[in-house]
Amino acid sequence: MIEVTKINDVKVLINPDLMEIVEETPDTVISFTTGRKIIVKESRQEVKNLVKSYRKDIFA
C-alpha cells in the first residue's frame, strides 16, 4: 500500500496494483480498475516514485 493525500488533506492508503491511470489535469487524478477515481495532492511523478519504492520493497 502507498500513502497519498486527498485534496481535503485526508491521508489514505491505496493499493497500487489496482491503479490504472494517473493523470494531471491539473490536479492529479488516480483511476482504479474498479472504476473509482480519487484526486490527490501529490504530483504524477511523486505517485510514480511511491509506486516504484513500493515495488522495490516488495520484490527486494
N, C-alpha and C. Protein backbone atom coordinates (compact mmCIF):
# COMPACT_ATOMS: atom_id res chain seq x y z
N MET A 1 0.84 -1.17 0.00
CA MET A 1 0.00 0.00 0.00
C MET A 1 0.89 1.24 0.00
N ILE A 2 0.42 2.27 -0.69
CA ILE A 2 1.13 3.54 -0.66
C ILE A 2 0.21 4.59 -0.06
N GLU A 3 0.82 5.57 0.61
CA GLU A 3 0.04 6.62 1.26
C GLU A 3 0.02 7.87 0.39
N VAL A 4 -1.16 8.39 0.12
CA VAL A 4 -1.33 9.62 -0.63
C VAL A 4 -2.25 10.55 0.16
N THR A 5 -2.27 11.81 -0.23
CA THR A 5 -3.08 12.80 0.45
C THR A 5 -4.19 13.27 -0.48
N LYS A 6 -5.42 13.05 -0.06
CA LYS A 6 -6.55 13.51 -0.85
C LYS A 6 -6.61 15.03 -0.79
N ILE A 7 -7.38 15.62 -1.67
CA ILE A 7 -7.45 17.06 -1.82
C ILE A 7 -7.94 17.75 -0.53
N ASN A 8 -8.67 17.02 0.33
CA ASN A 8 -9.18 17.58 1.58
C ASN A 8 -8.23 17.31 2.76
N ASP A 9 -6.96 17.00 2.46
CA ASP A 9 -5.89 16.76 3.44
C ASP A 9 -6.02 15.46 4.22
N VAL A 10 -6.89 14.57 3.80
CA VAL A 10 -7.01 13.26 4.44
C VAL A 10 -6.01 12.31 3.79
N LYS A 11 -5.20 11.68 4.63
CA LYS A 11 -4.23 10.71 4.12
C LYS A 11 -4.91 9.35 4.01
N VAL A 12 -4.70 8.68 2.89
CA VAL A 12 -5.29 7.36 2.66
C VAL A 12 -4.22 6.43 2.11
N LEU A 13 -4.43 5.14 2.35
CA LEU A 13 -3.56 4.11 1.77
C LEU A 13 -4.29 3.52 0.58
N ILE A 14 -3.58 3.39 -0.54
CA ILE A 14 -4.19 2.80 -1.72
C ILE A 14 -3.34 1.63 -2.21
N ASN A 15 -3.99 0.73 -2.89
CA ASN A 15 -3.32 -0.44 -3.45
C ASN A 15 -2.84 -0.08 -4.86
N PRO A 16 -1.53 0.04 -5.07
CA PRO A 16 -1.04 0.44 -6.39
C PRO A 16 -1.28 -0.62 -7.47
N ASP A 17 -1.58 -1.86 -7.05
CA ASP A 17 -1.86 -2.89 -8.04
C ASP A 17 -3.20 -2.66 -8.73
N LEU A 18 -4.06 -1.85 -8.11
CA LEU A 18 -5.38 -1.56 -8.70
C LEU A 18 -5.40 -0.26 -9.49
N MET A 19 -4.26 0.45 -9.50
CA MET A 19 -4.20 1.71 -10.24
C MET A 19 -4.15 1.42 -11.73
N GLU A 20 -4.92 2.17 -12.47
CA GLU A 20 -4.94 2.00 -13.92
C GLU A 20 -4.31 3.20 -14.63
N ILE A 21 -4.70 4.42 -14.23
CA ILE A 21 -4.20 5.63 -14.87
C ILE A 21 -3.94 6.68 -13.80
N VAL A 22 -2.82 7.41 -13.96
CA VAL A 22 -2.54 8.59 -13.13
C VAL A 22 -2.36 9.74 -14.10
N GLU A 23 -3.20 10.78 -13.94
CA GLU A 23 -3.11 11.91 -14.86
C GLU A 23 -3.18 13.23 -14.10
N GLU A 24 -2.52 14.26 -14.66
CA GLU A 24 -2.56 15.60 -14.09
C GLU A 24 -3.42 16.47 -14.99
N THR A 25 -4.50 17.02 -14.43
CA THR A 25 -5.45 17.76 -15.28
C THR A 25 -6.02 19.01 -14.63
N PRO A 26 -5.42 19.95 -14.00
CA PRO A 26 -4.06 19.98 -13.45
C PRO A 26 -3.94 19.23 -12.14
N ASP A 27 -5.07 18.92 -11.47
CA ASP A 27 -4.98 18.09 -10.27
C ASP A 27 -4.61 16.66 -10.66
N THR A 28 -3.98 15.96 -9.75
CA THR A 28 -3.60 14.57 -10.02
C THR A 28 -4.79 13.67 -9.72
N VAL A 29 -5.24 12.96 -10.74
CA VAL A 29 -6.38 12.05 -10.62
C VAL A 29 -5.88 10.63 -10.81
N ILE A 30 -6.19 9.78 -9.83
CA ILE A 30 -5.83 8.36 -9.92
C ILE A 30 -7.10 7.58 -10.22
N SER A 31 -7.07 6.83 -11.33
CA SER A 31 -8.19 5.97 -11.71
C SER A 31 -7.82 4.53 -11.40
N PHE A 32 -8.78 3.80 -10.86
CA PHE A 32 -8.55 2.41 -10.48
C PHE A 32 -9.29 1.46 -11.42
N THR A 33 -8.88 0.23 -11.42
CA THR A 33 -9.52 -0.78 -12.27
C THR A 33 -10.97 -1.02 -11.85
N THR A 34 -11.32 -0.60 -10.65
CA THR A 34 -12.69 -0.77 -10.15
C THR A 34 -13.63 0.31 -10.68
N GLY A 35 -13.06 1.33 -11.35
CA GLY A 35 -13.86 2.43 -11.86
C GLY A 35 -13.84 3.64 -10.94
N ARG A 36 -13.34 3.47 -9.74
CA ARG A 36 -13.26 4.58 -8.78
C ARG A 36 -12.13 5.51 -9.15
N LYS A 37 -12.29 6.81 -8.82
CA LYS A 37 -11.25 7.81 -9.05
C LYS A 37 -11.09 8.63 -7.79
N ILE A 38 -9.84 9.05 -7.51
CA ILE A 38 -9.61 9.97 -6.41
C ILE A 38 -8.66 11.07 -6.89
N ILE A 39 -8.81 12.24 -6.30
CA ILE A 39 -7.92 13.37 -6.59
C ILE A 39 -6.97 13.50 -5.41
N VAL A 40 -5.67 13.58 -5.72
CA VAL A 40 -4.66 13.65 -4.67
C VAL A 40 -3.78 14.87 -4.85
N LYS A 41 -3.11 15.26 -3.77
CA LYS A 41 -2.23 16.42 -3.79
C LYS A 41 -0.87 16.12 -4.42
N GLU A 42 -0.44 14.87 -4.35
CA GLU A 42 0.87 14.50 -4.90
C GLU A 42 0.85 14.67 -6.43
N SER A 43 1.99 14.99 -6.98
CA SER A 43 2.10 15.10 -8.44
C SER A 43 2.14 13.70 -9.05
N ARG A 44 1.98 13.64 -10.35
CA ARG A 44 2.05 12.37 -11.06
C ARG A 44 3.41 11.71 -10.83
N GLN A 45 4.47 12.52 -10.85
CA GLN A 45 5.81 11.99 -10.64
C GLN A 45 5.99 11.46 -9.22
N GLU A 46 5.42 12.14 -8.23
CA GLU A 46 5.51 11.66 -6.85
C GLU A 46 4.78 10.33 -6.69
N VAL A 47 3.62 10.20 -7.31
CA VAL A 47 2.88 8.94 -7.25
C VAL A 47 3.70 7.83 -7.90
N LYS A 48 4.31 8.14 -9.03
CA LYS A 48 5.16 7.17 -9.73
C LYS A 48 6.31 6.72 -8.82
N ASN A 49 6.94 7.67 -8.13
CA ASN A 49 8.05 7.33 -7.25
C ASN A 49 7.59 6.49 -6.06
N LEU A 50 6.41 6.78 -5.53
CA LEU A 50 5.86 5.98 -4.43
C LEU A 50 5.62 4.53 -4.88
N VAL A 51 5.09 4.37 -6.08
CA VAL A 51 4.83 3.03 -6.60
C VAL A 51 6.14 2.28 -6.83
N LYS A 52 7.13 2.97 -7.39
CA LYS A 52 8.43 2.34 -7.62
C LYS A 52 9.06 1.90 -6.30
N SER A 53 8.99 2.74 -5.29
CA SER A 53 9.54 2.41 -3.98
C SER A 53 8.79 1.22 -3.37
N TYR A 54 7.47 1.21 -3.51
CA TYR A 54 6.65 0.11 -3.00
C TYR A 54 7.06 -1.21 -3.66
N ARG A 55 7.22 -1.18 -4.96
CA ARG A 55 7.58 -2.40 -5.69
C ARG A 55 8.99 -2.88 -5.31
N LYS A 56 9.91 -1.95 -5.10
CA LYS A 56 11.26 -2.33 -4.68
C LYS A 56 11.21 -3.04 -3.33
N ASP A 57 10.39 -2.51 -2.41
CA ASP A 57 10.26 -3.12 -1.09
C ASP A 57 9.66 -4.52 -1.17
N ILE A 58 8.68 -4.70 -2.04
CA ILE A 58 8.00 -5.98 -2.18
C ILE A 58 8.93 -7.04 -2.78
N PHE A 59 9.67 -6.66 -3.81
CA PHE A 59 10.46 -7.63 -4.55
C PHE A 59 11.93 -7.71 -4.12
N ALA A 60 12.28 -6.97 -3.06
CA ALA A 60 13.68 -6.99 -2.60
C ALA A 60 13.95 -8.21 -1.73
